[in-house]
């Protein structure tokens, strides 16, 4: 895709459950040509954040209504890609002699098509709408940990065993 005079490409690796009722995003490989890069660490951070944002939109981007009122009021009601569900992201910056340009939005908009293509290759089902769910997939609510939300009913949270920050993966 092209955005902000930048060019981006993404490949998504998925695993589909044998019964076809769920999938996981295991790895995202991205390449970005955003012209002259002044701060490579910042560009990699922009790519990783864009992947998280794009996956949130692709997998969970749905607002529902009941009797004309929005059902999603808190982060516990609206799913986003959180650190513990983030796939491994492999970022590649393409060397360029062009002037600097944008990095973030360029990558976010290629996630949904790449995810849809990965699922089509994995199980033969074409996904043409967001959120991208499998035909028999059940979306279960996720309780937002107390450390991330202060509303009544939040659960306690601590890093999961074996948890590593993305930068250490």
N, C-alpha and C. Protein backbone atom coordinates (compact mmCIF):
# COMPACT_ATOMS: atom_id res chain seq x y z
N UNK A 1 0.83 -1.18 0.00
CA UNK A 1 0.00 0.00 0.00
C UNK A 1 0.87 1.24 0.00
N UNK A 2 0.31 2.35 -0.39
CA UNK A 2 1.04 3.61 -0.43
C UNK A 2 0.33 4.60 0.48
N UNK A 3 1.08 5.27 1.31
CA UNK A 3 0.53 6.31 2.16
C UNK A 3 1.64 7.22 2.61
N UNK A 4 1.40 8.53 2.61
CA UNK A 4 2.41 9.49 3.04
C UNK A 4 3.70 9.34 2.24
N UNK A 5 3.59 9.03 0.96
CA UNK A 5 4.77 8.78 0.11
C UNK A 5 5.58 7.58 0.60
N UNK A 6 4.98 6.70 1.37
CA UNK A 6 5.65 5.50 1.87
C UNK A 6 5.00 4.27 1.23
N UNK A 7 5.76 3.20 1.20
CA UNK A 7 5.27 1.94 0.65
C UNK A 7 5.43 0.86 1.70
N UNK A 8 4.36 0.09 1.94
CA UNK A 8 4.42 -0.95 2.96
C UNK A 8 3.84 -2.26 2.47
N UNK A 9 4.37 -3.34 3.02
CA UNK A 9 3.87 -4.68 2.71
C UNK A 9 3.91 -5.51 3.99
N UNK A 10 2.95 -6.42 4.12
CA UNK A 10 2.85 -7.25 5.32
C UNK A 10 2.49 -8.67 4.93
N UNK A 11 3.10 -9.62 5.64
CA UNK A 11 2.71 -11.03 5.55
C UNK A 11 2.33 -11.45 6.96
N UNK A 12 1.17 -12.08 7.08
CA UNK A 12 0.67 -12.53 8.38
C UNK A 12 0.67 -14.05 8.40
N UNK A 13 1.19 -14.63 9.48
CA UNK A 13 1.13 -16.08 9.68
C UNK A 13 0.08 -16.37 10.73
N UNK A 14 -0.82 -17.30 10.41
CA UNK A 14 -1.90 -17.66 11.32
C UNK A 14 -1.91 -19.16 11.58
N UNK A 15 -2.55 -19.53 12.67
CA UNK A 15 -2.85 -20.93 12.95
C UNK A 15 -4.35 -21.01 13.17
N UNK A 16 -4.99 -21.88 12.40
CA UNK A 16 -6.44 -22.08 12.54
C UNK A 16 -6.65 -23.37 13.31
N UNK A 17 -7.54 -23.32 14.31
CA UNK A 17 -7.85 -24.51 15.11
C UNK A 17 -8.37 -25.61 14.20
N UNK A 18 -8.08 -26.88 14.53
CA UNK A 18 -8.53 -27.99 13.69
C UNK A 18 -10.04 -28.01 13.44
N UNK A 19 -10.82 -27.57 14.42
CA UNK A 19 -12.28 -27.56 14.23
C UNK A 19 -12.76 -26.30 13.50
N UNK A 20 -11.83 -25.39 13.18
CA UNK A 20 -12.17 -24.21 12.40
C UNK A 20 -12.95 -23.14 13.16
N UNK A 21 -12.93 -23.19 14.49
CA UNK A 21 -13.72 -22.24 15.27
C UNK A 21 -12.91 -21.09 15.84
N UNK A 22 -11.61 -21.09 15.63
CA UNK A 22 -10.79 -19.99 16.12
C UNK A 22 -9.47 -19.97 15.37
N UNK A 23 -8.77 -18.87 15.52
CA UNK A 23 -7.45 -18.75 14.92
C UNK A 23 -6.59 -17.84 15.78
N UNK A 24 -5.30 -17.98 15.59
CA UNK A 24 -4.36 -17.08 16.26
C UNK A 24 -3.44 -16.48 15.23
N UNK A 25 -3.01 -15.27 15.49
CA UNK A 25 -2.02 -14.62 14.64
C UNK A 25 -0.68 -14.86 15.30
N UNK A 26 0.18 -15.61 14.62
CA UNK A 26 1.45 -16.04 15.21
C UNK A 26 2.62 -15.11 14.92
N UNK A 27 2.63 -14.54 13.72
CA UNK A 27 3.77 -13.71 13.34
C UNK A 27 3.35 -12.75 12.24
N UNK A 28 3.92 -11.57 12.28
CA UNK A 28 3.69 -10.58 11.24
C UNK A 28 5.06 -10.12 10.75
N UNK A 29 5.27 -10.23 9.44
CA UNK A 29 6.51 -9.77 8.83
C UNK A 29 6.14 -8.55 8.00
N UNK A 30 6.83 -7.44 8.26
CA UNK A 30 6.49 -6.20 7.57
C UNK A 30 7.72 -5.58 6.93
N UNK A 31 7.49 -4.90 5.82
CA UNK A 31 8.55 -4.16 5.14
C UNK A 31 8.02 -2.77 4.83
N UNK A 32 8.82 -1.77 5.10
CA UNK A 32 8.39 -0.39 4.92
C UNK A 32 9.47 0.41 4.23
N UNK A 33 9.09 1.10 3.16
CA UNK A 33 9.96 2.07 2.51
C UNK A 33 9.36 3.43 2.80
N UNK A 34 9.95 4.13 3.78
CA UNK A 34 9.44 5.45 4.17
C UNK A 34 10.48 6.53 3.91
N UNK A 35 11.30 6.31 2.90
CA UNK A 35 12.32 7.29 2.57
C UNK A 35 13.48 7.23 3.56
N UNK A 36 14.21 8.32 3.63
CA UNK A 36 15.34 8.43 4.54
C UNK A 36 14.87 8.28 5.98
N UNK A 37 15.47 7.35 6.70
CA UNK A 37 15.08 7.09 8.09
C UNK A 37 16.06 7.81 9.00
N UNK A 38 15.52 8.70 9.82
CA UNK A 38 16.34 9.47 10.75
C UNK A 38 16.60 8.67 12.02
N UNK A 39 15.55 8.02 12.54
CA UNK A 39 15.64 7.26 13.78
C UNK A 39 15.04 5.87 13.55
N UNK A 40 15.84 4.87 13.22
CA UNK A 40 15.33 3.53 12.92
C UNK A 40 14.53 2.91 14.07
N UNK A 41 14.94 3.12 15.32
CA UNK A 41 14.20 2.56 16.45
C UNK A 41 12.78 3.12 16.50
N UNK A 42 12.65 4.39 16.20
CA UNK A 42 11.32 5.00 16.20
C UNK A 42 10.46 4.43 15.08
N UNK A 43 11.04 4.19 13.92
CA UNK A 43 10.28 3.62 12.81
C UNK A 43 9.83 2.20 13.16
N UNK A 44 10.70 1.41 13.76
CA UNK A 44 10.31 0.04 14.18
C UNK A 44 9.18 0.12 15.20
N UNK A 45 9.25 1.05 16.13
CA UNK A 45 8.17 1.22 17.11
C UNK A 45 6.87 1.61 16.42
N UNK A 46 6.95 2.48 15.42
CA UNK A 46 5.76 2.86 14.66
C UNK A 46 5.17 1.66 13.93
N UNK A 47 6.02 0.82 13.36
CA UNK A 47 5.54 -0.38 12.67
C UNK A 47 4.84 -1.31 13.65
N UNK A 48 5.47 -1.58 14.79
CA UNK A 48 4.88 -2.49 15.78
C UNK A 48 3.55 -1.95 16.30
N UNK A 49 3.49 -0.65 16.59
CA UNK A 49 2.24 -0.05 17.04
C UNK A 49 1.16 -0.11 15.97
N UNK A 50 1.56 0.08 14.71
CA UNK A 50 0.62 0.00 13.61
C UNK A 50 0.07 -1.40 13.44
N UNK A 51 0.91 -2.39 13.65
CA UNK A 51 0.45 -3.78 13.58
C UNK A 51 -0.60 -4.03 14.66
N UNK A 52 -0.33 -3.59 15.88
CA UNK A 52 -1.30 -3.76 16.97
C UNK A 52 -2.61 -3.05 16.65
N UNK A 53 -2.52 -1.83 16.17
CA UNK A 53 -3.71 -1.06 15.82
C UNK A 53 -4.48 -1.73 14.68
N UNK A 54 -3.75 -2.14 13.63
CA UNK A 54 -4.39 -2.79 12.49
C UNK A 54 -5.04 -4.11 12.86
N UNK A 55 -4.38 -4.90 13.72
CA UNK A 55 -4.98 -6.15 14.16
C UNK A 55 -6.22 -5.90 14.99
N UNK A 56 -6.21 -4.86 15.81
CA UNK A 56 -7.40 -4.52 16.61
C UNK A 56 -8.58 -4.23 15.69
N UNK A 57 -8.34 -3.44 14.68
CA UNK A 57 -9.42 -3.10 13.75
C UNK A 57 -9.88 -4.33 12.96
N UNK A 58 -8.92 -5.11 12.50
CA UNK A 58 -9.26 -6.27 11.66
C UNK A 58 -9.98 -7.36 12.43
N UNK A 59 -9.55 -7.63 13.65
CA UNK A 59 -10.10 -8.75 14.41
C UNK A 59 -11.30 -8.39 15.27
N UNK A 60 -11.31 -7.16 15.79
CA UNK A 60 -12.33 -6.82 16.79
C UNK A 60 -13.08 -5.54 16.47
N UNK A 61 -12.83 -4.93 15.33
CA UNK A 61 -13.38 -3.61 15.02
C UNK A 61 -14.86 -3.60 14.76
N UNK A 62 -15.63 -3.72 15.81
CA UNK A 62 -17.08 -3.74 15.66
C UNK A 62 -17.73 -3.00 16.82
N UNK A 63 -18.61 -2.09 16.49
CA UNK A 63 -19.42 -1.41 17.49
C UNK A 63 -20.85 -1.90 17.28
N UNK A 64 -21.48 -2.35 18.36
CA UNK A 64 -22.85 -2.87 18.26
C UNK A 64 -23.80 -1.96 19.05
N UNK A 65 -25.07 -2.06 18.70
CA UNK A 65 -26.11 -1.23 19.32
C UNK A 65 -27.25 -2.11 19.83
N UNK A 66 -27.82 -1.73 20.94
CA UNK A 66 -29.03 -2.35 21.47
C UNK A 66 -30.02 -1.24 21.76
N UNK A 67 -31.17 -1.32 21.14
CA UNK A 67 -32.21 -0.28 21.30
C UNK A 67 -31.66 1.12 21.03
N UNK A 68 -30.79 1.24 20.02
CA UNK A 68 -30.26 2.52 19.62
C UNK A 68 -29.14 3.05 20.49
N UNK A 69 -28.66 2.25 21.45
CA UNK A 69 -27.58 2.68 22.34
C UNK A 69 -26.35 1.82 22.12
N UNK A 70 -25.18 2.45 22.13
CA UNK A 70 -23.92 1.74 21.93
C UNK A 70 -23.70 0.77 23.08
N UNK A 71 -23.31 -0.48 22.76
CA UNK A 71 -23.08 -1.50 23.78
C UNK A 71 -21.70 -1.40 24.41
N UNK A 72 -20.74 -0.82 23.73
CA UNK A 72 -19.37 -0.77 24.22
C UNK A 72 -19.14 0.56 24.97
N UNK A 73 -18.95 0.45 26.30
CA UNK A 73 -18.74 1.64 27.11
C UNK A 73 -17.35 1.70 27.71
N UNK A 74 -16.74 0.56 27.96
CA UNK A 74 -15.43 0.48 28.59
C UNK A 74 -14.51 -0.35 27.71
N UNK A 75 -13.22 -0.33 28.01
CA UNK A 75 -12.27 -1.14 27.25
C UNK A 75 -12.58 -2.62 27.40
N UNK A 76 -13.24 -3.00 28.46
CA UNK A 76 -13.61 -4.41 28.61
C UNK A 76 -14.69 -4.81 27.62
N UNK A 77 -15.41 -3.85 27.10
CA UNK A 77 -16.49 -4.11 26.15
C UNK A 77 -16.02 -4.07 24.70
N UNK A 78 -14.89 -3.42 24.45
CA UNK A 78 -14.37 -3.28 23.09
C UNK A 78 -12.98 -3.89 23.06
N UNK A 79 -12.84 -4.94 22.31
CA UNK A 79 -11.56 -5.65 22.26
C UNK A 79 -10.54 -4.87 21.44
N UNK A 80 -9.31 -4.91 21.91
CA UNK A 80 -8.17 -4.41 21.16
C UNK A 80 -7.06 -5.44 21.31
N UNK A 81 -6.06 -5.34 20.46
CA UNK A 81 -4.90 -6.21 20.60
C UNK A 81 -4.10 -5.70 21.78
N UNK A 82 -3.93 -6.57 22.77
CA UNK A 82 -3.19 -6.20 23.97
C UNK A 82 -1.82 -6.89 23.95
N UNK A 83 -0.94 -6.43 24.79
CA UNK A 83 0.43 -6.93 24.77
C UNK A 83 0.51 -8.45 24.85
N UNK A 84 -0.31 -9.06 25.69
CA UNK A 84 -0.21 -10.52 25.85
C UNK A 84 -0.80 -11.28 24.66
N UNK A 85 -1.51 -10.60 23.77
CA UNK A 85 -2.04 -11.26 22.57
C UNK A 85 -1.32 -10.82 21.30
N UNK A 86 -0.31 -10.00 21.47
CA UNK A 86 0.42 -9.47 20.31
C UNK A 86 1.31 -10.55 19.70
N UNK A 87 1.25 -10.71 18.38
CA UNK A 87 2.15 -11.68 17.74
C UNK A 87 3.57 -11.14 17.67
N UNK A 88 4.47 -12.01 17.29
CA UNK A 88 5.84 -11.59 17.02
C UNK A 88 5.79 -10.71 15.77
N UNK A 89 6.45 -9.57 15.82
CA UNK A 89 6.48 -8.66 14.68
C UNK A 89 7.92 -8.55 14.20
N UNK A 90 8.14 -8.88 12.94
CA UNK A 90 9.46 -8.77 12.32
C UNK A 90 9.39 -7.57 11.37
N UNK A 91 10.16 -6.54 11.67
CA UNK A 91 10.10 -5.30 10.90
C UNK A 91 11.34 -5.12 10.04
N UNK A 92 11.12 -4.76 8.79
CA UNK A 92 12.20 -4.51 7.86
C UNK A 92 12.03 -3.10 7.28
N UNK A 93 13.08 -2.32 7.37
CA UNK A 93 13.07 -0.97 6.80
C UNK A 93 13.85 -1.03 5.49
N UNK A 94 13.21 -0.65 4.41
CA UNK A 94 13.83 -0.68 3.09
C UNK A 94 14.71 0.56 2.93
N UNK A 95 16.00 0.38 2.64
CA UNK A 95 16.88 1.54 2.43
C UNK A 95 16.38 2.38 1.26
N UNK A 96 16.43 3.69 1.42
CA UNK A 96 15.91 4.57 0.38
C UNK A 96 16.68 5.88 0.36
N UNK A 97 16.78 6.47 -0.79
CA UNK A 97 17.40 7.77 -0.94
C UNK A 97 16.39 8.89 -1.02
N UNK A 98 15.10 8.57 -0.93
CA UNK A 98 14.04 9.58 -0.98
C UNK A 98 13.99 10.35 0.34
N UNK A 99 13.29 11.45 0.36
CA UNK A 99 13.13 12.23 1.58
C UNK A 99 12.28 11.48 2.59
N UNK A 100 12.40 11.84 3.87
CA UNK A 100 11.62 11.17 4.91
C UNK A 100 10.12 11.32 4.66
N UNK A 101 9.36 10.30 5.06
CA UNK A 101 7.90 10.36 4.93
C UNK A 101 7.29 9.62 6.12
N UNK A 102 6.00 9.28 6.04
CA UNK A 102 5.29 8.68 7.17
C UNK A 102 5.55 7.20 7.33
N UNK A 103 5.31 6.70 8.54
CA UNK A 103 5.58 5.29 8.81
C UNK A 103 4.35 4.56 9.35
N UNK A 104 3.60 5.14 10.22
CA UNK A 104 2.60 4.41 10.99
C UNK A 104 1.37 4.01 10.18
N UNK A 105 0.64 4.98 9.65
CA UNK A 105 -0.62 4.67 8.97
C UNK A 105 -0.42 3.76 7.76
N UNK A 106 0.70 3.89 7.11
CA UNK A 106 0.97 3.05 5.94
C UNK A 106 0.89 1.58 6.31
N UNK A 107 1.42 1.20 7.45
CA UNK A 107 1.44 -0.21 7.84
C UNK A 107 0.10 -0.67 8.40
N UNK A 108 -0.62 0.19 9.09
CA UNK A 108 -1.89 -0.20 9.72
C UNK A 108 -2.92 -0.63 8.68
N UNK A 109 -2.91 0.01 7.52
CA UNK A 109 -3.96 -0.28 6.54
C UNK A 109 -3.72 -1.56 5.74
N UNK A 110 -2.56 -2.19 5.87
CA UNK A 110 -2.32 -3.42 5.12
C UNK A 110 -2.52 -4.67 5.98
N UNK A 111 -2.81 -4.51 7.25
CA UNK A 111 -2.96 -5.66 8.14
C UNK A 111 -4.21 -6.48 7.81
N UNK A 112 -5.36 -5.84 7.68
CA UNK A 112 -6.61 -6.58 7.43
C UNK A 112 -6.54 -7.40 6.14
N UNK A 113 -6.10 -6.83 5.01
CA UNK A 113 -6.00 -7.65 3.80
C UNK A 113 -5.02 -8.82 3.95
N UNK A 114 -3.89 -8.57 4.64
CA UNK A 114 -2.91 -9.64 4.83
C UNK A 114 -3.48 -10.74 5.72
N UNK A 115 -4.21 -10.35 6.77
CA UNK A 115 -4.84 -11.34 7.65
C UNK A 115 -5.90 -12.14 6.90
N UNK A 116 -6.73 -11.46 6.12
CA UNK A 116 -7.75 -12.16 5.33
C UNK A 116 -7.12 -13.14 4.35
N UNK A 117 -6.03 -12.74 3.71
CA UNK A 117 -5.35 -13.64 2.77
C UNK A 117 -4.74 -14.84 3.50
N UNK A 118 -4.16 -14.61 4.68
CA UNK A 118 -3.58 -15.72 5.45
C UNK A 118 -4.65 -16.73 5.83
N UNK A 119 -5.81 -16.25 6.26
CA UNK A 119 -6.89 -17.18 6.63
C UNK A 119 -7.43 -17.91 5.41
N UNK A 120 -7.52 -17.24 4.28
CA UNK A 120 -7.98 -17.90 3.06
C UNK A 120 -7.02 -19.00 2.64
N UNK A 121 -5.73 -18.75 2.80
CA UNK A 121 -4.74 -19.78 2.47
C UNK A 121 -4.78 -20.92 3.47
N UNK A 122 -5.10 -20.63 4.73
CA UNK A 122 -5.09 -21.65 5.77
C UNK A 122 -6.33 -22.54 5.74
N UNK A 123 -7.49 -21.97 5.44
CA UNK A 123 -8.71 -22.78 5.52
C UNK A 123 -9.66 -22.64 4.33
N UNK A 124 -9.29 -21.85 3.35
CA UNK A 124 -10.12 -21.72 2.15
C UNK A 124 -11.30 -20.78 2.30
N UNK A 125 -11.51 -20.21 3.48
CA UNK A 125 -12.62 -19.27 3.68
C UNK A 125 -12.18 -17.86 3.36
N UNK A 126 -12.87 -17.20 2.47
CA UNK A 126 -12.58 -15.81 2.15
C UNK A 126 -13.32 -14.92 3.15
N UNK A 127 -12.61 -13.97 3.73
CA UNK A 127 -13.19 -13.00 4.66
C UNK A 127 -13.26 -11.67 3.95
N UNK A 128 -14.46 -11.12 3.83
CA UNK A 128 -14.62 -9.87 3.07
C UNK A 128 -15.18 -8.74 3.91
N UNK A 129 -15.22 -8.91 5.22
CA UNK A 129 -15.75 -7.87 6.11
C UNK A 129 -14.98 -7.91 7.42
N UNK A 130 -14.97 -6.79 8.11
CA UNK A 130 -14.38 -6.75 9.44
C UNK A 130 -15.52 -6.68 10.45
N UNK A 131 -15.38 -7.24 11.61
CA UNK A 131 -14.20 -7.97 12.06
C UNK A 131 -14.03 -9.29 11.32
N UNK A 132 -12.78 -9.70 11.18
CA UNK A 132 -12.47 -10.94 10.48
C UNK A 132 -12.61 -12.09 11.47
N UNK A 133 -13.70 -12.83 11.33
CA UNK A 133 -13.96 -13.99 12.18
C UNK A 133 -14.27 -15.18 11.29
N UNK A 134 -14.02 -16.37 11.80
CA UNK A 134 -14.33 -17.58 11.06
C UNK A 134 -15.82 -17.86 11.16
N UNK A 135 -16.33 -18.69 10.26
CA UNK A 135 -17.77 -18.92 10.20
C UNK A 135 -18.37 -19.39 11.53
N UNK A 136 -17.68 -20.25 12.26
CA UNK A 136 -18.22 -20.78 13.51
C UNK A 136 -17.50 -20.23 14.74
N UNK A 137 -16.75 -19.16 14.56
CA UNK A 137 -15.98 -18.61 15.68
C UNK A 137 -16.89 -17.89 16.67
N UNK A 138 -16.64 -18.13 17.94
CA UNK A 138 -17.37 -17.47 19.01
C UNK A 138 -16.44 -16.46 19.65
N UNK A 139 -16.86 -15.21 19.67
CA UNK A 139 -16.05 -14.16 20.28
C UNK A 139 -16.44 -14.08 21.75
N UNK A 140 -15.47 -14.39 22.60
CA UNK A 140 -15.72 -14.36 24.04
C UNK A 140 -15.22 -13.05 24.62
N UNK A 141 -15.94 -12.50 25.60
CA UNK A 141 -15.47 -11.26 26.23
C UNK A 141 -14.19 -11.52 27.02
N UNK A 142 -13.37 -10.50 27.09
CA UNK A 142 -12.13 -10.61 27.84
C UNK A 142 -12.21 -9.64 29.00
N UNK A 143 -12.00 -10.13 30.20
CA UNK A 143 -12.03 -9.27 31.37
C UNK A 143 -10.77 -8.41 31.40
N UNK A 144 -10.95 -7.12 31.44
CA UNK A 144 -9.80 -6.22 31.48
C UNK A 144 -9.19 -6.27 32.87
N UNK A 145 -7.88 -6.51 32.97
CA UNK A 145 -7.23 -6.56 34.27
C UNK A 145 -7.35 -5.24 35.03
N UNK A 146 -7.38 -5.32 36.35
CA UNK A 146 -7.54 -4.13 37.19
C UNK A 146 -6.46 -3.10 36.92
N UNK A 147 -5.26 -3.55 36.60
CA UNK A 147 -4.19 -2.60 36.33
C UNK A 147 -4.44 -1.76 35.10
N UNK A 148 -5.33 -2.20 34.22
CA UNK A 148 -5.62 -1.47 32.99
C UNK A 148 -6.96 -0.76 33.02
N UNK A 149 -7.77 -1.05 34.02
CA UNK A 149 -9.11 -0.48 34.08
C UNK A 149 -9.53 -0.43 35.53
N UNK A 150 -10.28 0.56 35.91
CA UNK A 150 -10.64 0.72 37.31
C UNK A 150 -12.12 0.48 37.58
N UNK A 151 -12.87 0.02 36.59
CA UNK A 151 -14.29 -0.19 36.85
C UNK A 151 -14.51 -1.46 37.68
N UNK A 152 -15.65 -1.55 38.32
CA UNK A 152 -15.99 -2.69 39.15
C UNK A 152 -16.05 -3.95 38.30
N UNK A 153 -15.45 -5.01 38.78
CA UNK A 153 -15.48 -6.27 38.05
C UNK A 153 -14.18 -6.58 37.32
N UNK A 154 -13.24 -5.64 37.33
CA UNK A 154 -11.95 -5.90 36.69
C UNK A 154 -11.20 -6.97 37.48
N UNK A 155 -10.45 -7.78 36.79
CA UNK A 155 -9.70 -8.86 37.44
C UNK A 155 -8.29 -8.41 37.76
N UNK A 156 -7.65 -9.12 38.69
CA UNK A 156 -6.26 -8.82 39.02
C UNK A 156 -5.37 -9.25 37.86
N UNK A 157 -4.22 -8.61 37.75
CA UNK A 157 -3.32 -8.92 36.65
C UNK A 157 -1.88 -8.92 37.11
N UNK A 158 -1.13 -9.80 36.50
CA UNK A 158 0.31 -9.85 36.65
C UNK A 158 0.85 -10.47 35.39
N UNK A 159 2.12 -10.24 35.07
CA UNK A 159 2.67 -10.85 33.86
C UNK A 159 2.52 -12.37 33.89
N UNK A 160 2.15 -12.93 32.75
CA UNK A 160 1.98 -14.37 32.63
C UNK A 160 3.34 -15.06 32.70
N UNK A 161 3.40 -16.32 33.15
CA UNK A 161 4.68 -17.03 33.17
C UNK A 161 5.28 -17.07 31.77
N UNK A 162 6.55 -16.75 31.69
CA UNK A 162 7.23 -16.77 30.41
C UNK A 162 7.02 -15.52 29.58
N UNK A 163 6.32 -14.52 30.12
CA UNK A 163 6.02 -13.31 29.36
C UNK A 163 7.30 -12.55 29.07
N UNK A 164 7.43 -12.10 27.82
CA UNK A 164 8.57 -11.29 27.40
C UNK A 164 8.06 -10.06 26.68
N UNK A 165 8.65 -8.90 26.92
CA UNK A 165 8.26 -7.74 26.13
C UNK A 165 8.58 -7.99 24.65
N UNK A 166 7.84 -7.34 23.77
CA UNK A 166 8.03 -7.54 22.33
C UNK A 166 9.47 -7.30 21.92
N UNK A 167 10.11 -6.30 22.52
CA UNK A 167 11.48 -5.97 22.12
C UNK A 167 12.48 -7.08 22.47
N UNK A 168 12.09 -8.02 23.36
CA UNK A 168 12.98 -9.12 23.73
C UNK A 168 12.69 -10.39 22.98
N UNK A 169 11.64 -10.41 22.16
CA UNK A 169 11.28 -11.63 21.45
C UNK A 169 12.18 -11.86 20.25
